[in-house]
Amino acid sequence: MTKDKNILVNGYILSSSVPKKQQVIAFTQELLDFLFPIVESEVNYDAKHARKLKSLENQFAEIIYAFSEKYRLNEERIVKQFFSRLDEVKFALLEDAKAMLEFDPAAKSLEEVVLTYPGFQATVVYRIAHILYLLELPLVPRMMSEWAHATTGIDIHPGAEIGTPFLIDHGTGIVIGETAVIGRNVKIYQGVTLGGLTVRKEEADTKRHPTIEDGVIIYANSTILGGKTTIGAGSIIGGNCFIVDSVPANSIVYHQPIITVKNKKDFTEPLNWII
């Protein structure tokens, strides 16, 4: 059996018993195509489907085998548990896609949502990575989520608990922390952060991120922080809000900026705005 090796770098010990990042990314991409084969006209679809499934199982087994002996000895169990939940994941994702289609007037078809919406793509990777997070497989779920982050601009930690359906509109700049809990039929726009207040490293196992109950809409660039913060069901959070306290159900929360409009001829201050 392969002996595990460690690498010493600047006084830190790094384990070499980890899968390659590109290996995990390739597996994730092929798994997405397997879950949503938009175009499939071959008569022998069932046979092709079975072969693809077996190939994915082998790829996943290789990823696990790259880890230490502890995981290699449980390789068969982990593979079986992961793939046994794929149907459940696909059902949830179809509910997500249907909700996006119904909610977004710009969406013309389910295929458009599945193929082009970054919010849906980030949600797909999250739901897959979340299973691996629950199986306590190290690194792989984070590799998946960081690849989705780099691809879509949406950062969802695989530890977050997100109900179905879940809708992300536009999505760029969204951050959802590890202990965030999100209910059903929640809609989130670009730039939203569900983050943690400052906590010590030894408090990492506590709930650090907010709870968003069913039916909440959070508009662009709002920030909601803290593990004790709960946004009550049916509430609407307007754009650019900063929230660190709980909000009762069916609330409307909004920020009122003061915007001044003047004629340039009457504005005597020098304008030298460099952005």
C-alpha atoms as a PDB file:
ATOM      1  CA  MET A   1       0.000   0.000   0.000  1.00  0.00           C
ATOM      2  CA  THR A   2       1.190   3.509  -0.772  1.00  0.00           C
ATOM      3  CA  LYS A   3       2.914   5.138   2.158  1.00  0.00           C
ATOM      4  CA  ASP A   4       1.602   8.605   3.012  1.00  0.00           C
ATOM      5  CA  LYS A   5       4.194  11.374   2.686  1.00  0.00           C
ATOM      6  CA  ASN A   6       4.387  14.867   4.122  1.00  0.00           C
ATOM      7  CA  ILE A   7       6.159  17.932   2.749  1.00  0.00           C
ATOM      8  CA  LEU A   8       7.861  20.504   4.977  1.00  0.00           C
ATOM      9  CA  VAL A   9       7.370  24.076   3.705  1.00  0.00           C
ATOM     10  CA  ASN A  10       8.664  27.024   5.745  1.00  0.00           C
ATOM     11  CA  GLY A  11       8.159  25.171   8.984  1.00  0.00           C
ATOM     12  CA  TYR A  12       4.665  23.903   8.085  1.00  0.00           C
ATOM     13  CA  ILE A  13       3.930  20.271   7.322  1.00  0.00           C
ATOM     14  CA  LEU A  14       1.776  19.813   4.219  1.00  0.00           C
ATOM     15  CA  SER A  15       0.328  16.415   3.422  1.00  0.00           C
ATOM     16  CA  SER A  16       0.939  15.110  -0.081  1.00  0.00           C
ATOM     17  CA  SER A  17      -1.966  12.676   0.365  1.00  0.00           C
ATOM     18  CA  VAL A  18      -4.512  14.882  -1.386  1.00  0.00           C
ATOM     19  CA  PRO A  19      -6.136  14.738  -4.825  1.00  0.00           C
ATOM     20  CA  LYS A  20      -5.030  17.054  -7.600  1.00  0.00           C
ATOM     21  CA  LYS A  21      -7.172  20.138  -8.031  1.00  0.00           C
ATOM     22  CA  GLN A  22      -7.615  19.622 -11.774  1.00  0.00           C
ATOM     23  CA  GLN A  23      -8.726  16.044 -11.126  1.00  0.00           C
ATOM     24  CA  VAL A  24     -11.516  17.288  -8.854  1.00  0.00           C
ATOM     25  CA  ILE A  25     -12.544  20.019 -11.313  1.00  0.00           C
ATOM     26  CA  ALA A  26     -12.689  17.544 -14.229  1.00  0.00           C
ATOM     27  CA  PHE A  27     -14.842  15.193 -12.134  1.00  0.00           C
ATOM     28  CA  THR A  28     -17.182  18.061 -11.193  1.00  0.00           C
ATOM     29  CA  GLN A  29     -17.614  19.161 -14.809  1.00  0.00           C
ATOM     30  CA  GLU A  30     -18.382  15.631 -15.986  1.00  0.00           C
ATOM     31  CA  LEU A  31     -20.810  15.143 -13.118  1.00  0.00           C
ATOM     32  CA  LEU A  32     -22.710  18.305 -14.139  1.00  0.00           C
ATOM     33  CA  ASP A  33     -23.001  17.004 -17.706  1.00  0.00           C
ATOM     34  CA  PHE A  34     -24.189  13.652 -16.356  1.00  0.00           C
ATOM     35  CA  LEU A  35     -26.922  15.253 -14.236  1.00  0.00           C
ATOM     36  CA  PHE A  36     -28.187  17.493 -17.037  1.00  0.00           C
ATOM     37  CA  PRO A  37     -27.571  15.928 -20.479  1.00  0.00           C
ATOM     38  CA  ILE A  38     -29.513  18.576 -22.396  1.00  0.00           C
ATOM     39  CA  VAL A  39     -28.955  16.974 -25.800  1.00  0.00           C
ATOM     40  CA  GLU A  40     -29.164  13.184 -26.013  1.00  0.00           C
ATOM     41  CA  SER A  41     -30.502  11.617 -29.199  1.00  0.00           C
ATOM     42  CA  GLU A  42     -28.849   8.205 -29.192  1.00  0.00           C
ATOM     43  CA  VAL A  43     -31.106   5.156 -29.127  1.00  0.00           C
ATOM     44  CA  ASN A  44     -28.858   3.342 -26.660  1.00  0.00           C
ATOM     45  CA  TYR A  45     -29.181   6.094 -24.050  1.00  0.00           C
ATOM     46  CA  ASP A  46     -29.620   3.693 -21.080  1.00  0.00           C
ATOM     47  CA  ALA A  47     -26.420   1.806 -21.904  1.00  0.00           C
ATOM     48  CA  LYS A  48     -24.480   5.033 -22.397  1.00  0.00           C
ATOM     49  CA  HIS A  49     -25.892   6.395 -19.134  1.00  0.00           C
ATOM     50  CA  ALA A  50     -24.760   3.281 -17.246  1.00  0.00           C
ATOM     51  CA  ARG A  51     -21.255   3.474 -18.725  1.00  0.00           C
ATOM     52  CA  LYS A  52     -20.970   7.145 -17.806  1.00  0.00           C
ATOM     53  CA  LEU A  53     -22.107   6.440 -14.260  1.00  0.00           C
ATOM     54  CA  LYS A  54     -19.498   3.712 -13.876  1.00  0.00           C
ATOM     55  CA  SER A  55     -16.803   6.036 -15.242  1.00  0.00           C
ATOM     56  CA  LEU A  56     -17.767   8.722 -12.723  1.00  0.00           C
ATOM     57  CA  GLU A  57     -17.689   6.213  -9.881  1.00  0.00           C
ATOM     58  CA  ASN A  58     -14.170   5.190 -10.908  1.00  0.00           C
ATOM     59  CA  GLN A  59     -13.034   8.826 -11.102  1.00  0.00           C
ATOM     60  CA  PHE A  60     -14.435   9.530  -7.661  1.00  0.00           C
ATOM     61  CA  ALA A  61     -12.754   6.418  -6.244  1.00  0.00           C
ATOM     62  CA  GLU A  62      -9.413   7.676  -7.614  1.00  0.00           C
ATOM     63  CA  ILE A  63      -9.977  11.034  -5.898  1.00  0.00           C
ATOM     64  CA  ILE A  64     -10.611   9.299  -2.576  1.00  0.00           C
ATOM     65  CA  TYR A  65      -7.607   7.005  -3.059  1.00  0.00           C
ATOM     66  CA  ALA A  66      -5.343  10.050  -3.196  1.00  0.00           C
ATOM     67  CA  PHE A  67      -6.082  10.649   0.493  1.00  0.00           C
ATOM     68  CA  SER A  68      -4.573   8.857   3.468  1.00  0.00           C
ATOM     69  CA  GLU A  69      -5.217   5.238   4.395  1.00  0.00           C
ATOM     70  CA  LYS A  70      -8.152   6.264   6.598  1.00  0.00           C
ATOM     71  CA  TYR A  71     -10.147   7.284   3.513  1.00  0.00           C
ATOM     72  CA  ARG A  72      -8.811   4.615   1.176  1.00  0.00           C
ATOM     73  CA  LEU A  73     -10.124   1.907   3.504  1.00  0.00           C
ATOM     74  CA  ASN A  74     -13.598   3.508   3.332  1.00  0.00           C
ATOM     75  CA  GLU A  75     -13.480   4.235  -0.399  1.00  0.00           C
ATOM     76  CA  GLU A  76     -16.296   1.849  -1.392  1.00  0.00           C
ATOM     77  CA  ARG A  77     -18.639   3.121   1.336  1.00  0.00           C
ATOM     78  CA  ILE A  78     -18.036   6.789   0.477  1.00  0.00           C
ATOM     79  CA  VAL A  79     -18.574   6.214  -3.262  1.00  0.00           C
ATOM     80  CA  LYS A  80     -21.796   4.290  -2.602  1.00  0.00           C
ATOM     81  CA  GLN A  81     -23.189   6.894  -0.205  1.00  0.00           C
ATOM     82  CA  PHE A  82     -22.383   9.772  -2.534  1.00  0.00           C
ATOM     83  CA  PHE A  83     -23.886   8.296  -5.693  1.00  0.00           C
ATOM     84  CA  SER A  84     -26.955   7.021  -3.832  1.00  0.00           C
ATOM     85  CA  ARG A  85     -27.947  10.663  -3.253  1.00  0.00           C
ATOM     86  CA  LEU A  86     -27.576  11.929  -6.823  1.00  0.00           C
ATOM     87  CA  ASP A  87     -31.256  11.395  -7.685  1.00  0.00           C
ATOM     88  CA  GLU A  88     -32.220  13.434  -4.633  1.00  0.00           C
ATOM     89  CA  VAL A  89     -29.829  16.200  -5.711  1.00  0.00           C
ATOM     90  CA  LYS A  90     -31.139  16.242  -9.278  1.00  0.00           C
ATOM     91  CA  PHE A  91     -34.734  16.522  -8.053  1.00  0.00           C
ATOM     92  CA  ALA A  92     -33.813  19.502  -5.860  1.00  0.00           C
ATOM     93  CA  LEU A  93     -31.936  21.161  -8.719  1.00  0.00           C
ATOM     94  CA  LEU A  94     -34.876  20.761 -11.100  1.00  0.00           C
ATOM     95  CA  GLU A  95     -37.032  22.527  -8.498  1.00  0.00           C
ATOM     96  CA  ASP A  96     -34.417  25.299  -8.333  1.00  0.00           C
ATOM     97  CA  ALA A  97     -34.361  25.629 -12.132  1.00  0.00           C
ATOM     98  CA  LYS A  98     -38.172  25.657 -12.444  1.00  0.00           C
ATOM     99  CA  ALA A  99     -38.424  28.369  -9.791  1.00  0.00           C
ATOM    100  CA  MET A 100     -35.850  30.494 -11.619  1.00  0.00           C
ATOM    101  CA  LEU A 101     -37.765  30.054 -14.867  1.00  0.00           C
ATOM    102  CA  GLU A 102     -41.048  31.108 -13.247  1.00  0.00           C
ATOM    103  CA  PHE A 103     -39.550  34.039 -11.336  1.00  0.00           C
ATOM    104  CA  ASP A 104     -37.295  35.625 -13.952  1.00  0.00           C
ATOM    105  CA  PRO A 105     -39.160  37.257 -16.872  1.00  0.00           C
ATOM    106  CA  ALA A 106     -35.923  37.151 -18.912  1.00  0.00           C
ATOM    107  CA  ALA A 107     -35.786  33.340 -18.753  1.00  0.00           C
ATOM    108  CA  LYS A 108     -37.331  31.758 -21.856  1.00  0.00           C
ATOM    109  CA  SER A 109     -36.809  28.044 -21.154  1.00  0.00           C
ATOM    110  CA  LEU A 110     -35.587  25.544 -18.611  1.00  0.00           C
ATOM    111  CA  GLU A 111     -32.656  24.784 -20.914  1.00  0.00           C
ATOM    112  CA  GLU A 112     -31.616  28.439 -20.816  1.00  0.00           C
ATOM    113  CA  VAL A 113     -31.576  28.405 -17.010  1.00  0.00           C
ATOM    114  CA  VAL A 114     -29.600  25.157 -16.816  1.00  0.00           C
ATOM    115  CA  LEU A 115     -27.051  26.103 -19.473  1.00  0.00           C
ATOM    116  CA  THR A 116     -26.483  29.817 -18.919  1.00  0.00           C
ATOM    117  CA  TYR A 117     -27.541  31.011 -15.464  1.00  0.00           C
ATOM    118  CA  PRO A 118     -24.518  31.409 -13.153  1.00  0.00           C
ATOM    119  CA  GLY A 119     -26.810  31.321 -10.121  1.00  0.00           C
ATOM    120  CA  PHE A 120     -28.047  27.891 -11.126  1.00  0.00           C
ATOM    121  CA  GLN A 121     -24.532  26.648 -11.904  1.00  0.00           C
ATOM    122  CA  ALA A 122     -23.311  27.764  -8.473  1.00  0.00           C
ATOM    123  CA  THR A 123     -26.297  26.063  -6.849  1.00  0.00           C
ATOM    124  CA  VAL A 124     -25.573  22.801  -8.692  1.00  0.00           C
ATOM    125  CA  VAL A 125     -22.003  22.702  -7.428  1.00  0.00           C
ATOM    126  CA  TYR A 126     -23.134  23.678  -3.911  1.00  0.00           C
ATOM    127  CA  ARG A 127     -25.668  20.834  -3.719  1.00  0.00           C
ATOM    128  CA  ILE A 128     -23.065  18.301  -4.880  1.00  0.00           C
ATOM    129  CA  ALA A 129     -20.351  19.661  -2.571  1.00  0.00           C
ATOM    130  CA  HIS A 130     -22.756  19.746   0.374  1.00  0.00           C
ATOM    131  CA  ILE A 131     -23.170  15.953   0.222  1.00  0.00           C
ATOM    132  CA  LEU A 132     -19.404  15.495   0.375  1.00  0.00           C
ATOM    133  CA  TYR A 133     -19.230  17.989   3.250  1.00  0.00           C
ATOM    134  CA  LEU A 134     -21.757  15.893   5.175  1.00  0.00           C
ATOM    135  CA  LEU A 135     -19.716  12.773   4.373  1.00  0.00           C
ATOM    136  CA  GLU A 136     -16.750  14.595   5.950  1.00  0.00           C
ATOM    137  CA  LEU A 137     -14.535  14.125   2.923  1.00  0.00           C
ATOM    138  CA  PRO A 138     -11.805  16.765   3.304  1.00  0.00           C
ATOM    139  CA  LEU A 139     -10.772  19.372   0.718  1.00  0.00           C
ATOM    140  CA  VAL A 140     -12.855  18.039  -2.192  1.00  0.00           C
ATOM    141  CA  PRO A 141     -16.063  19.989  -1.407  1.00  0.00           C
ATOM    142  CA  ARG A 142     -14.025  23.175  -0.982  1.00  0.00           C
ATOM    143  CA  MET A 143     -12.170  22.555  -4.237  1.00  0.00           C
ATOM    144  CA  MET A 144     -15.547  22.232  -5.944  1.00  0.00           C
ATOM    145  CA  SER A 145     -17.037  25.348  -4.354  1.00  0.00           C
ATOM    146  CA  GLU A 146     -13.946  27.459  -5.063  1.00  0.00           C
ATOM    147  CA  TRP A 147     -14.017  26.369  -8.694  1.00  0.00           C
ATOM    148  CA  ALA A 148     -17.666  27.466  -8.873  1.00  0.00           C
ATOM    149  CA  HIS A 149     -16.691  30.711  -7.135  1.00  0.00           C
ATOM    150  CA  ALA A 150     -13.995  31.412  -9.723  1.00  0.00           C
ATOM    151  CA  THR A 151     -16.363  30.497 -12.571  1.00  0.00           C
ATOM    152  CA  THR A 152     -19.516  32.337 -11.463  1.00  0.00           C
ATOM    153  CA  GLY A 153     -18.393  34.949  -8.936  1.00  0.00           C
ATOM    154  CA  ILE A 154     -20.703  33.325  -6.358  1.00  0.00           C
ATOM    155  CA  ASP A 155     -19.137  32.006  -3.139  1.00  0.00           C
ATOM    156  CA  ILE A 156     -21.279  29.382  -1.355  1.00  0.00           C
ATOM    157  CA  HIS A 157     -19.584  27.387   1.364  1.00  0.00           C
ATOM    158  CA  PRO A 158     -20.504  23.682   1.066  1.00  0.00           C
ATOM    159  CA  GLY A 159     -21.403  23.595   4.758  1.00  0.00           C
ATOM    160  CA  ALA A 160     -24.339  25.988   4.377  1.00  0.00           C
ATOM    161  CA  GLU A 161     -27.841  24.506   4.642  1.00  0.00           C
ATOM    162  CA  ILE A 162     -30.021  25.678   1.744  1.00  0.00           C
ATOM    163  CA  GLY A 163     -33.622  24.631   1.124  1.00  0.00           C
ATOM    164  CA  THR A 164     -35.392  23.992  -2.163  1.00  0.00           C
ATOM    165  CA  PRO A 165     -36.191  25.874  -4.291  1.00  0.00           C
ATOM    166  CA  PHE A 166     -33.425  28.468  -4.028  1.00  0.00           C
ATOM    167  CA  LEU A 167     -33.124  31.378  -6.452  1.00  0.00           C
ATOM    168  CA  ILE A 168     -30.065  33.466  -7.232  1.00  0.00           C
ATOM    169  CA  ASP A 169     -30.636  36.339  -9.668  1.00  0.00           C
ATOM    170  CA  HIS A 170     -27.513  37.655 -11.453  1.00  0.00           C
ATOM    171  CA  GLY A 171     -25.420  36.489  -8.523  1.00  0.00           C
ATOM    172  CA  THR A 172     -22.043  38.167  -8.936  1.00  0.00           C
ATOM    173  CA  GLY A 173     -20.478  38.908  -5.557  1.00  0.00           C
ATOM    174  CA  ILE A 174     -22.794  36.769  -3.422  1.00  0.00           C
ATOM    175  CA  VAL A 175     -21.148  35.254  -0.314  1.00  0.00           C
ATOM    176  CA  ILE A 176     -22.868  32.584   1.819  1.00  0.00           C
ATOM    177  CA  GLY A 177     -20.954  31.385   4.873  1.00  0.00           C
ATOM    178  CA  GLU A 178     -20.439  27.906   6.260  1.00  0.00           C
ATOM    179  CA  THR A 179     -23.084  27.938   9.005  1.00  0.00           C
ATOM    180  CA  ALA A 180     -25.739  29.932   7.143  1.00  0.00           C
ATOM    181  CA  VAL A 181     -29.200  28.339   7.106  1.00  0.00           C
ATOM    182  CA  ILE A 182     -31.553  29.254   4.248  1.00  0.00           C
ATOM    183  CA  GLY A 183     -35.151  28.075   3.981  1.00  0.00           C
ATOM    184  CA  ARG A 184     -37.377  27.356   1.001  1.00  0.00           C
ATOM    185  CA  ASN A 185     -38.285  29.821  -1.765  1.00  0.00           C
ATOM    186  CA  VAL A 186     -35.577  32.310  -0.827  1.00  0.00           C
ATOM    187  CA  LYS A 187     -34.448  34.770  -3.513  1.00  0.00           C
ATOM    188  CA  ILE A 188     -31.065  36.492  -3.372  1.00  0.00           C
ATOM    189  CA  TYR A 189     -29.679  39.172  -5.688  1.00  0.00           C
ATOM    190  CA  GLN A 190     -26.113  40.141  -6.581  1.00  0.00           C
ATOM    191  CA  GLY A 191     -23.694  41.401  -3.967  1.00  0.00           C
ATOM    192  CA  VAL A 192     -25.506  39.906  -0.960  1.00  0.00           C
ATOM    193  CA  THR A 193     -23.366  38.701   1.947  1.00  0.00           C
ATOM    194  CA  LEU A 194     -24.576  36.229   4.564  1.00  0.00           C
ATOM    195  CA  GLY A 195     -21.511  36.450   6.756  1.00  0.00           C
ATOM    196  CA  GLY A 196     -20.166  36.149  10.272  1.00  0.00           C
ATOM    197  CA  LEU A 197     -19.350  38.772  12.843  1.00  0.00           C
ATOM    198  CA  THR A 198     -15.795  38.664  14.127  1.00  0.00           C
ATOM    199  CA  VAL A 199     -15.228  35.444  16.069  1.00  0.00           C
ATOM    200  CA  ARG A 200     -12.196  33.729  17.523  1.00  0.00           C
ATOM    201  CA  LYS A 201     -10.704  30.734  15.739  1.00  0.00           C
ATOM    202  CA  GLU A 202     -11.675  28.473  18.638  1.00  0.00           C
ATOM    203  CA  GLU A 203     -15.324  29.404  18.013  1.00  0.00           C
ATOM    204  CA  ALA A 204     -15.216  27.978  14.483  1.00  0.00           C
ATOM    205  CA  ASP A 205     -17.621  25.174  15.399  1.00  0.00           C
ATOM    206  CA  THR A 206     -20.339  27.566  16.563  1.00  0.00           C
ATOM    207  CA  LYS A 207     -23.077  29.022  14.335  1.00  0.00           C
ATOM    208  CA  ARG A 208     -21.494  32.153  12.916  1.00  0.00           C
ATOM    209  CA  HIS A 209     -23.757  33.029   9.979  1.00  0.00           C
ATOM    210  CA  PRO A 210     -27.417  34.122   9.780  1.00  0.00           C
ATOM    211  CA  THR A 211     -30.618  32.156   9.331  1.00  0.00           C
ATOM    212  CA  ILE A 212     -32.900  33.164   6.453  1.00  0.00           C
ATOM    213  CA  GLU A 213     -36.403  31.732   6.799  1.00  0.00           C
ATOM    214  CA  ASP A 214     -38.827  30.671   4.038  1.00  0.00           C
ATOM    215  CA  GLY A 215     -39.966  33.102   1.373  1.00  0.00           C
ATOM    216  CA  VAL A 216     -37.447  35.880   2.064  1.00  0.00           C
ATOM    217  CA  ILE A 217     -36.201  38.169  -0.720  1.00  0.00           C
ATOM    218  CA  ILE A 218     -32.833  39.895  -0.255  1.00  0.00           C
ATOM    219  CA  TYR A 219     -32.049  42.622  -2.782  1.00  0.00           C
ATOM    220  CA  ALA A 220     -28.667  43.678  -4.125  1.00  0.00           C
ATOM    221  CA  ASN A 221     -25.660  44.521  -1.969  1.00  0.00           C
ATOM    222  CA  SER A 222     -27.277  43.867   1.397  1.00  0.00           C
ATOM    223  CA  THR A 223     -25.131  42.443   4.197  1.00  0.00           C
ATOM    224  CA  ILE A 224     -26.556  40.242   6.951  1.00  0.00           C
ATOM    225  CA  LEU A 225     -24.158  39.127   9.677  1.00  0.00           C
ATOM    226  CA  GLY A 226     -24.073  36.947  12.771  1.00  0.00           C
ATOM    227  CA  GLY A 227     -25.083  33.486  13.876  1.00  0.00           C
ATOM    228  CA  LYS A 228     -27.860  34.811  16.110  1.00  0.00           C
ATOM    229  CA  THR A 229     -29.396  36.913  13.334  1.00  0.00           C
ATOM    230  CA  THR A 230     -32.627  35.545  11.846  1.00  0.00           C
ATOM    231  CA  ILE A 231     -34.595  37.074   8.993  1.00  0.00           C
ATOM    232  CA  GLY A 232     -38.213  36.075   9.581  1.00  0.00           C
ATOM    233  CA  ALA A 233     -40.287  34.275   6.966  1.00  0.00           C
ATOM    234  CA  GLY A 234     -41.810  36.331   4.169  1.00  0.00           C
ATOM    235  CA  SER A 235     -39.633  39.383   4.795  1.00  0.00           C
ATOM    236  CA  ILE A 236     -38.181  41.658   2.130  1.00  0.00           C
ATOM    237  CA  ILE A 237     -34.716  43.122   2.625  1.00  0.00           C
ATOM    238  CA  GLY A 238     -34.136  46.108   0.358  1.00  0.00           C
ATOM    239  CA  GLY A 239     -30.864  46.941  -1.351  1.00  0.00           C
ATOM    240  CA  ASN A 240     -27.765  48.168   0.518  1.00  0.00           C
ATOM    241  CA  CYS A 241     -28.987  47.227   3.999  1.00  0.00           C
ATOM    242  CA  PHE A 242     -26.566  46.314   6.799  1.00  0.00           C
ATOM    243  CA  ILE A 243     -28.197  44.002   9.346  1.00  0.00           C
ATOM    244  CA  VAL A 244     -26.771  42.461  12.518  1.00  0.00           C
ATOM    245  CA  ASP A 245     -30.038  41.981  14.449  1.00  0.00           C
ATOM    246  CA  SER A 246     -32.977  39.670  13.839  1.00  0.00           C
ATOM    247  CA  VAL A 247     -35.961  40.815  11.799  1.00  0.00           C
ATOM    248  CA  PRO A 248     -39.550  39.654  12.540  1.00  0.00           C
ATOM    249  CA  ALA A 249     -41.532  37.689   9.960  1.00  0.00           C
ATOM    250  CA  ASN A 250     -43.219  39.636   7.135  1.00  0.00           C
ATOM    251  CA  SER A 251     -41.036  42.708   7.613  1.00  0.00           C
ATOM    252  CA  ILE A 252     -39.875  45.185   4.997  1.00  0.00           C
ATOM    253  CA  VAL A 253     -36.384  46.488   5.678  1.00  0.00           C
ATOM    254  CA  TYR A 254     -34.939  49.271   3.552  1.00  0.00           C
ATOM    255  CA  HIS A 255     -32.180  51.853   3.535  1.00  0.00           C
ATOM    256  CA  GLN A 256     -32.923  55.480   2.633  1.00  0.00           C
ATOM    257  CA  PRO A 257     -29.874  57.212   1.169  1.00  0.00           C
ATOM    258  CA  ILE A 258     -29.908  60.944   0.617  1.00  0.00           C
ATOM    259  CA  ILE A 259     -29.234  61.764  -3.016  1.00  0.00           C
ATOM    260  CA  THR A 260     -28.727  65.399  -4.027  1.00  0.00           C
ATOM    261  CA  VAL A 261     -29.112  66.585  -7.609  1.00  0.00           C
ATOM    262  CA  LYS A 262     -27.749  70.009  -8.574  1.00  0.00           C
ATOM    263  CA  ASN A 263     -27.222  71.891 -11.788  1.00  0.00           C
ATOM    264  CA  LYS A 264     -23.543  71.826 -12.733  1.00  0.00           C
ATOM    265  CA  LYS A 265     -23.596  75.609 -13.288  1.00  0.00           C
ATOM    266  CA  ASP A 266     -24.557  76.179  -9.631  1.00  0.00           C
ATOM    267  CA  PHE A 267     -21.968  73.732  -8.269  1.00  0.00           C
ATOM    268  CA  THR A 268     -18.898  75.739  -7.249  1.00  0.00           C
ATOM    269  CA  GLU A 269     -16.816  72.980  -5.648  1.00  0.00           C
ATOM    270  CA  PRO A 270     -14.016  71.577  -7.815  1.00  0.00           C
ATOM    271  CA  LEU A 271     -14.779  68.194  -9.382  1.00  0.00           C
ATOM    272  CA  ASN A 272     -11.801  65.889  -9.406  1.00  0.00           C
ATOM    273  CA  TRP A 273     -13.267  62.440  -8.948  1.00  0.00           C
ATOM    274  CA  ILE A 274     -10.930  59.660 -10.041  1.00  0.00           C
ATOM    275  CA  ILE A 275     -12.330  56.149  -9.813  1.00  0.00           C
END
